[in-house]
Amino acid sequence: MRLLFDQNLSFMLCQMIADLFPDSSHVRSHGLSEAADRALWEFAKANGFAIVTQDVDFADMASLLGLRRR
């Protein structure tokens, strides 16, 4: 599983879990630090990432789009 950490989480998390999730990344590594939630959603979808965030907006978006949170 590839994890994409949102801006509200530390980029150091990628290093901390690299042995468990080696393909994980942070939004700032992709120039998406200031991107809108929908842009992050589409990026994650297109690149096979699961979004890791504390932002409830993503849960709301998943409900609206008919997708379940993981």
N, C-alpha and C. Protein backbone atom coordinates (compact mmCIF):
# COMPACT_ATOMS: atom_id res chain seq x y z
N MET A 1 0.84 -1.17 0.00
CA MET A 1 0.00 0.00 0.00
C MET A 1 0.89 1.24 0.00
N ARG A 2 0.52 2.18 -0.83
CA ARG A 2 1.25 3.45 -0.92
C ARG A 2 0.45 4.50 -0.17
N LEU A 3 1.08 5.13 0.81
CA LEU A 3 0.43 6.15 1.62
C LEU A 3 0.88 7.53 1.17
N LEU A 4 -0.05 8.46 1.13
CA LEU A 4 0.24 9.86 0.83
C LEU A 4 -0.16 10.68 2.04
N PHE A 5 0.83 11.25 2.72
CA PHE A 5 0.58 12.04 3.92
C PHE A 5 0.22 13.47 3.54
N ASP A 6 -0.86 13.93 4.12
CA ASP A 6 -1.36 15.28 3.88
C ASP A 6 -0.46 16.31 4.57
N GLN A 7 -0.62 17.55 4.17
CA GLN A 7 0.18 18.66 4.68
C GLN A 7 0.08 18.80 6.21
N ASN A 8 -1.03 18.40 6.79
CA ASN A 8 -1.21 18.56 8.23
C ASN A 8 -0.45 17.52 9.05
N LEU A 9 0.24 16.60 8.38
CA LEU A 9 1.06 15.58 9.04
C LEU A 9 2.53 15.79 8.68
N SER A 10 3.40 15.40 9.56
CA SER A 10 4.83 15.61 9.37
C SER A 10 5.38 14.78 8.21
N PHE A 11 6.25 15.39 7.41
CA PHE A 11 6.91 14.67 6.32
C PHE A 11 7.83 13.58 6.87
N MET A 12 8.22 13.69 8.13
CA MET A 12 9.11 12.70 8.74
C MET A 12 8.42 11.35 8.94
N LEU A 13 7.11 11.32 8.88
CA LEU A 13 6.39 10.05 8.99
C LEU A 13 6.80 9.08 7.89
N CYS A 14 7.08 9.59 6.72
CA CYS A 14 7.50 8.72 5.61
C CYS A 14 8.77 7.97 5.96
N GLN A 15 9.71 8.66 6.57
CA GLN A 15 10.96 8.03 6.99
C GLN A 15 10.72 7.04 8.12
N MET A 16 9.82 7.39 9.03
CA MET A 16 9.57 6.56 10.20
C MET A 16 8.91 5.23 9.85
N ILE A 17 8.15 5.19 8.79
CA ILE A 17 7.46 3.94 8.43
C ILE A 17 7.98 3.33 7.12
N ALA A 18 9.12 3.79 6.67
CA ALA A 18 9.67 3.34 5.39
C ALA A 18 9.84 1.82 5.31
N ASP A 19 10.14 1.18 6.43
CA ASP A 19 10.31 -0.27 6.41
C ASP A 19 8.97 -1.00 6.22
N LEU A 20 7.88 -0.39 6.65
CA LEU A 20 6.55 -1.01 6.52
C LEU A 20 5.83 -0.59 5.24
N PHE A 21 5.99 0.67 4.86
CA PHE A 21 5.34 1.24 3.66
C PHE A 21 6.38 2.00 2.85
N PRO A 22 7.24 1.28 2.13
CA PRO A 22 8.38 1.91 1.46
C PRO A 22 8.02 2.89 0.34
N ASP A 23 6.86 2.79 -0.22
CA ASP A 23 6.48 3.67 -1.33
C ASP A 23 5.65 4.87 -0.89
N SER A 24 5.64 5.12 0.41
CA SER A 24 4.86 6.24 0.93
C SER A 24 5.53 7.56 0.60
N SER A 25 4.71 8.62 0.63
CA SER A 25 5.21 9.93 0.25
C SER A 25 4.42 11.02 0.98
N HIS A 26 4.92 12.23 0.90
CA HIS A 26 4.27 13.39 1.50
C HIS A 26 3.88 14.35 0.38
N VAL A 27 2.79 15.08 0.58
CA VAL A 27 2.31 15.97 -0.48
C VAL A 27 3.37 16.98 -0.90
N ARG A 28 4.21 17.42 0.02
CA ARG A 28 5.21 18.43 -0.36
C ARG A 28 6.26 17.86 -1.32
N SER A 29 6.44 16.54 -1.32
CA SER A 29 7.37 15.91 -2.25
C SER A 29 6.86 15.97 -3.69
N HIS A 30 5.59 16.26 -3.84
CA HIS A 30 4.97 16.31 -5.16
C HIS A 30 4.51 17.72 -5.53
N GLY A 31 4.93 18.70 -4.73
CA GLY A 31 4.54 20.08 -4.99
C GLY A 31 3.07 20.35 -4.73
N LEU A 32 2.47 19.58 -3.83
CA LEU A 32 1.04 19.70 -3.58
C LEU A 32 0.72 20.26 -2.19
N SER A 33 1.67 20.92 -1.58
CA SER A 33 1.47 21.43 -0.21
C SER A 33 0.28 22.36 -0.09
N GLU A 34 0.04 23.15 -1.10
CA GLU A 34 -1.05 24.13 -1.06
C GLU A 34 -2.23 23.73 -1.95
N ALA A 35 -2.22 22.49 -2.42
CA ALA A 35 -3.27 22.05 -3.34
C ALA A 35 -4.61 21.88 -2.62
N ALA A 36 -5.66 22.06 -3.35
CA ALA A 36 -7.01 21.86 -2.82
C ALA A 36 -7.23 20.37 -2.55
N ASP A 37 -8.14 20.08 -1.63
CA ASP A 37 -8.42 18.70 -1.26
C ASP A 37 -8.78 17.84 -2.47
N ARG A 38 -9.58 18.38 -3.35
CA ARG A 38 -9.99 17.60 -4.54
C ARG A 38 -8.80 17.28 -5.43
N ALA A 39 -7.85 18.21 -5.54
CA ALA A 39 -6.64 17.95 -6.33
C ALA A 39 -5.81 16.84 -5.71
N LEU A 40 -5.70 16.85 -4.38
CA LEU A 40 -4.98 15.77 -3.69
C LEU A 40 -5.68 14.44 -3.90
N TRP A 41 -7.00 14.46 -3.81
CA TRP A 41 -7.80 13.26 -4.01
C TRP A 41 -7.52 12.67 -5.39
N GLU A 42 -7.57 13.51 -6.41
CA GLU A 42 -7.36 13.05 -7.79
C GLU A 42 -5.92 12.56 -7.99
N PHE A 43 -4.94 13.26 -7.40
CA PHE A 43 -3.55 12.84 -7.50
C PHE A 43 -3.38 11.46 -6.87
N ALA A 44 -3.92 11.28 -5.67
CA ALA A 44 -3.81 10.00 -4.97
C ALA A 44 -4.45 8.88 -5.79
N LYS A 45 -5.61 9.15 -6.31
CA LYS A 45 -6.32 8.16 -7.12
C LYS A 45 -5.53 7.78 -8.37
N ALA A 46 -4.99 8.75 -9.06
CA ALA A 46 -4.24 8.52 -10.29
C ALA A 46 -2.93 7.80 -10.06
N ASN A 47 -2.38 7.94 -8.84
CA ASN A 47 -1.05 7.37 -8.57
C ASN A 47 -1.05 6.24 -7.55
N GLY A 48 -2.22 5.73 -7.22
CA GLY A 48 -2.33 4.56 -6.37
C GLY A 48 -1.99 4.79 -4.90
N PHE A 49 -2.27 5.99 -4.41
CA PHE A 49 -2.01 6.31 -3.00
C PHE A 49 -3.30 6.24 -2.19
N ALA A 50 -3.15 5.89 -0.92
CA ALA A 50 -4.20 6.07 0.08
C ALA A 50 -3.83 7.32 0.86
N ILE A 51 -4.76 8.23 1.03
CA ILE A 51 -4.49 9.49 1.72
C ILE A 51 -4.55 9.29 3.23
N VAL A 52 -3.51 9.78 3.90
CA VAL A 52 -3.46 9.76 5.36
C VAL A 52 -3.56 11.21 5.82
N THR A 53 -4.60 11.51 6.60
CA THR A 53 -4.86 12.88 6.99
C THR A 53 -5.64 12.92 8.30
N GLN A 54 -5.66 14.08 8.91
CA GLN A 54 -6.52 14.33 10.06
C GLN A 54 -7.68 15.26 9.66
N ASP A 55 -7.75 15.57 8.40
CA ASP A 55 -8.73 16.50 7.85
C ASP A 55 -10.04 15.78 7.56
N VAL A 56 -11.09 16.13 8.25
CA VAL A 56 -12.39 15.48 8.08
C VAL A 56 -12.97 15.73 6.69
N ASP A 57 -12.48 16.72 5.99
CA ASP A 57 -12.99 17.01 4.65
C ASP A 57 -12.84 15.82 3.70
N PHE A 58 -11.79 15.03 3.88
CA PHE A 58 -11.59 13.87 3.01
C PHE A 58 -12.62 12.79 3.30
N ALA A 59 -13.00 12.62 4.55
CA ALA A 59 -14.05 11.67 4.90
C ALA A 59 -15.37 12.12 4.28
N ASP A 60 -15.64 13.41 4.35
CA ASP A 60 -16.85 13.94 3.74
C ASP A 60 -16.84 13.74 2.23
N MET A 61 -15.68 13.96 1.62
CA MET A 61 -15.56 13.79 0.18
C MET A 61 -15.78 12.32 -0.21
N ALA A 62 -15.26 11.41 0.58
CA ALA A 62 -15.44 9.98 0.32
C ALA A 62 -16.93 9.62 0.40
N SER A 63 -17.62 10.19 1.35
CA SER A 63 -19.06 9.93 1.48
C SER A 63 -19.82 10.46 0.27
N LEU A 64 -19.46 11.65 -0.17
CA LEU A 64 -20.15 12.25 -1.31
C LEU A 64 -19.88 11.50 -2.61
N LEU A 65 -18.67 10.97 -2.73
CA LEU A 65 -18.29 10.29 -3.95
C LEU A 65 -18.61 8.79 -3.89
N GLY A 66 -19.16 8.34 -2.77
CA GLY A 66 -19.56 6.94 -2.65
C GLY A 66 -18.41 6.00 -2.37
N LEU A 67 -17.34 6.51 -1.79
CA LEU A 67 -16.18 5.67 -1.49
C LEU A 67 -16.04 5.53 0.02
N ARG A 68 -15.48 4.42 0.44
CA ARG A 68 -15.28 4.18 1.87
C ARG A 68 -13.88 4.59 2.28
N ARG A 69 -13.76 5.04 3.55
CA ARG A 69 -12.45 5.32 4.13
C ARG A 69 -11.76 4.01 4.43
N ARG A 70 -10.45 4.03 4.43
CA ARG A 70 -9.66 2.85 4.79
C ARG A 70 -9.06 3.02 6.14
